[in-house]
Amino acid sequence: DFFPISRLSFDSVTPHKKQCQYFQNGNFYFMDTETFEEVAVGPKIMEDVKQWICEGMEVNLVNFKGNVIEVVIPSPYVYEIVETEIVIKDGNVQGRTKPAKLNCGATVTVPAYLVTGEMIKVDTGKREYLSRANE
C-alpha cells in the first residue's frame, strides 16, 4: 500500500521522543517521559530495530495519522559488551576482529582486544562498531 508522494501530507508525519519501558506479548511499550502516556508498538514495526533497543533507551516514534509507522533509534549509541571470546595475545592481535554480543541482544564485529564489560559506541544505522565509548 504505497501512496503517491503528492498524496502524502508531511504535516501529518510527526516524530515523538519516547522511552522504551518493556517488552511483552510481542509488543514493545514506550512511555512519553513528560505525559507518562504509554504506547504499544507491534512486532511488524519493530522488526528492523528490535535487536538494538535496550530498556530505558530514548527513541523517536514516527506517527502518521495517529499510528506509529517507524521507530528511529539513536545513532551512535553506547552499548555494553556482555559476551565475547577471549583472544590470547600472540603479538598478532593488531587488525583481528571477533563477534561481541551487546546488552541489547545484537551482535557486532569488534577489534580482538575488547573484552566483556567494555562500553562501546555503535553506529546503529550501519550496525557497526565505531570506538570505545570513552574515545
Protein backbone atom coordinates (compact mmCIF):
# COMPACT_ATOMS: atom_id res chain seq x y z
CA ASP A 1 0.00 0.00 0.00
CA PHE A 2 2.22 2.81 -1.27
CA PHE A 3 0.85 6.29 -1.72
CA PRO A 4 1.95 8.62 -4.49
CA ILE A 5 4.18 11.25 -2.91
CA SER A 6 1.74 14.00 -3.91
CA ARG A 7 -0.98 12.43 -1.73
CA LEU A 8 1.21 12.23 1.36
CA SER A 9 1.00 15.20 3.70
CA PHE A 10 4.26 15.57 5.60
CA ASP A 11 2.48 17.74 8.15
CA SER A 12 0.80 14.59 9.45
CA VAL A 13 4.11 12.68 9.88
CA THR A 14 5.43 13.57 13.33
CA PRO A 15 8.26 12.17 15.46
CA HIS A 16 7.75 11.86 19.23
CA LYS A 17 10.53 11.09 21.71
CA LYS A 18 9.62 8.10 23.89
CA GLN A 19 11.48 5.88 26.34
CA CYS A 20 11.47 2.09 25.98
CA GLN A 21 9.87 0.57 29.08
CA TYR A 22 9.43 -3.15 28.45
CA PHE A 23 8.65 -5.97 26.00
CA GLN A 24 5.56 -8.16 26.48
CA ASN A 25 3.46 -10.46 24.26
CA GLY A 26 5.33 -9.44 21.10
CA ASN A 27 4.89 -5.70 21.69
CA PHE A 28 7.37 -3.08 22.83
CA TYR A 29 5.99 -0.49 25.24
CA PHE A 30 7.25 3.09 25.17
CA MET A 31 6.47 5.96 27.52
CA ASP A 32 6.34 9.70 26.94
CA THR A 33 8.55 11.00 29.76
CA GLU A 34 6.53 14.23 30.03
CA THR A 35 2.94 12.95 29.91
CA PHE A 36 3.65 9.36 31.08
CA GLU A 37 1.41 8.16 28.24
CA GLU A 38 2.27 4.61 27.21
CA VAL A 39 2.34 3.45 23.58
CA ALA A 40 2.49 -0.17 22.41
CA VAL A 41 4.34 -0.88 19.16
CA GLY A 42 3.80 -4.21 17.45
CA PRO A 43 6.33 -6.66 16.03
CA LYS A 44 5.87 -5.65 12.39
CA ILE A 45 7.03 -2.06 13.06
CA MET A 46 9.82 -3.26 15.40
CA GLU A 47 11.26 -5.92 13.08
CA ASP A 48 14.31 -3.95 11.83
CA VAL A 49 15.25 -2.30 15.13
CA LYS A 50 14.19 -4.61 17.96
CA GLN A 51 17.63 -6.16 18.48
CA TRP A 52 19.14 -2.68 19.03
CA ILE A 53 16.71 -1.43 21.70
CA CYS A 54 17.55 -1.52 25.39
CA GLU A 55 15.23 -0.88 28.29
CA GLY A 56 15.33 2.84 29.13
CA MET A 57 16.58 3.87 25.66
CA GLU A 58 15.03 7.03 24.24
CA VAL A 59 13.83 6.65 20.65
CA ASN A 60 11.72 8.63 18.21
CA LEU A 61 8.38 7.10 17.33
CA VAL A 62 7.27 8.44 13.95
CA ASN A 63 3.50 8.80 13.73
CA PHE A 64 1.24 9.14 10.72
CA LYS A 65 -2.42 9.88 11.38
CA GLY A 66 -2.06 8.72 14.97
CA ASN A 67 -0.33 5.41 14.19
CA VAL A 68 3.33 4.58 14.76
CA ILE A 69 4.89 3.88 11.36
CA GLU A 70 8.57 3.78 12.32
CA VAL A 71 10.87 3.56 15.34
CA VAL A 72 14.09 5.58 14.99
CA ILE A 73 16.85 4.61 17.38
CA PRO A 74 19.69 6.98 18.28
CA SER A 75 22.95 6.69 16.39
CA PRO A 76 25.63 6.41 17.54
CA TYR A 77 24.61 4.71 20.77
CA VAL A 78 26.70 3.32 23.65
CA TYR A 79 26.25 -0.37 24.48
CA GLU A 80 27.99 -2.77 26.86
CA ILE A 81 29.72 -5.90 25.58
CA VAL A 82 28.09 -8.72 27.57
CA GLU A 83 29.72 -11.67 25.83
CA THR A 84 32.79 -12.10 23.65
CA GLU A 85 35.60 -14.60 23.33
CA ILE A 86 38.96 -14.03 24.93
CA VAL A 87 41.74 -13.67 22.41
CA ILE A 88 45.16 -14.85 23.54
CA LYS A 89 47.69 -12.15 22.77
CA ASP A 90 50.20 -13.68 20.42
CA GLY A 91 51.72 -10.48 19.10
CA ASN A 92 49.41 -10.63 16.10
CA VAL A 93 46.22 -9.16 17.60
CA GLN A 94 46.51 -5.97 15.52
CA GLY A 95 43.75 -5.86 12.93
CA ARG A 96 41.99 -9.02 14.14
CA THR A 97 38.28 -8.92 14.90
CA LYS A 98 35.70 -11.06 16.69
CA PRO A 99 31.96 -11.08 17.35
CA ALA A 100 30.65 -9.43 20.52
CA LYS A 101 27.14 -9.70 21.96
CA LEU A 102 25.78 -6.42 23.32
CA ASN A 103 23.44 -5.74 26.25
CA CYS A 104 20.60 -5.08 23.77
CA GLY A 105 20.98 -8.57 22.28
CA ALA A 106 22.57 -7.61 18.96
CA THR A 107 26.00 -8.85 17.87
CA VAL A 108 28.63 -6.69 16.19
CA THR A 109 32.17 -7.28 14.99
CA VAL A 110 34.73 -5.61 17.27
CA PRO A 111 38.53 -5.43 17.50
CA ALA A 112 40.02 -8.53 19.15
CA TYR A 113 41.44 -6.56 22.10
CA LEU A 114 38.00 -5.61 23.50
CA VAL A 115 36.67 -7.63 26.45
CA THR A 116 33.37 -8.36 28.17
CA GLY A 117 32.18 -5.39 30.25
CA GLU A 118 33.56 -2.68 27.98
CA MET A 119 31.31 0.12 26.77
CA ILE A 120 31.44 0.76 23.02
CA LYS A 121 29.91 3.20 20.53
CA VAL A 122 27.94 1.62 17.70
CA ASP A 123 26.57 3.16 14.52
CA THR A 124 23.09 1.67 14.81
CA GLY A 125 22.18 2.60 11.23
CA LYS A 126 25.12 0.70 9.74
CA ARG A 127 25.20 -1.79 12.65
CA GLU A 128 28.95 -1.27 13.04
CA TYR A 129 31.41 -0.77 15.88
CA LEU A 130 32.79 2.78 15.96
CA SER A 131 35.02 3.06 19.04
CA ARG A 132 35.29 2.57 22.77
CA ALA A 133 32.70 4.77 24.47
CA ASN A 134 35.33 6.96 26.15
CA GLU A 135 37.31 7.64 22.96
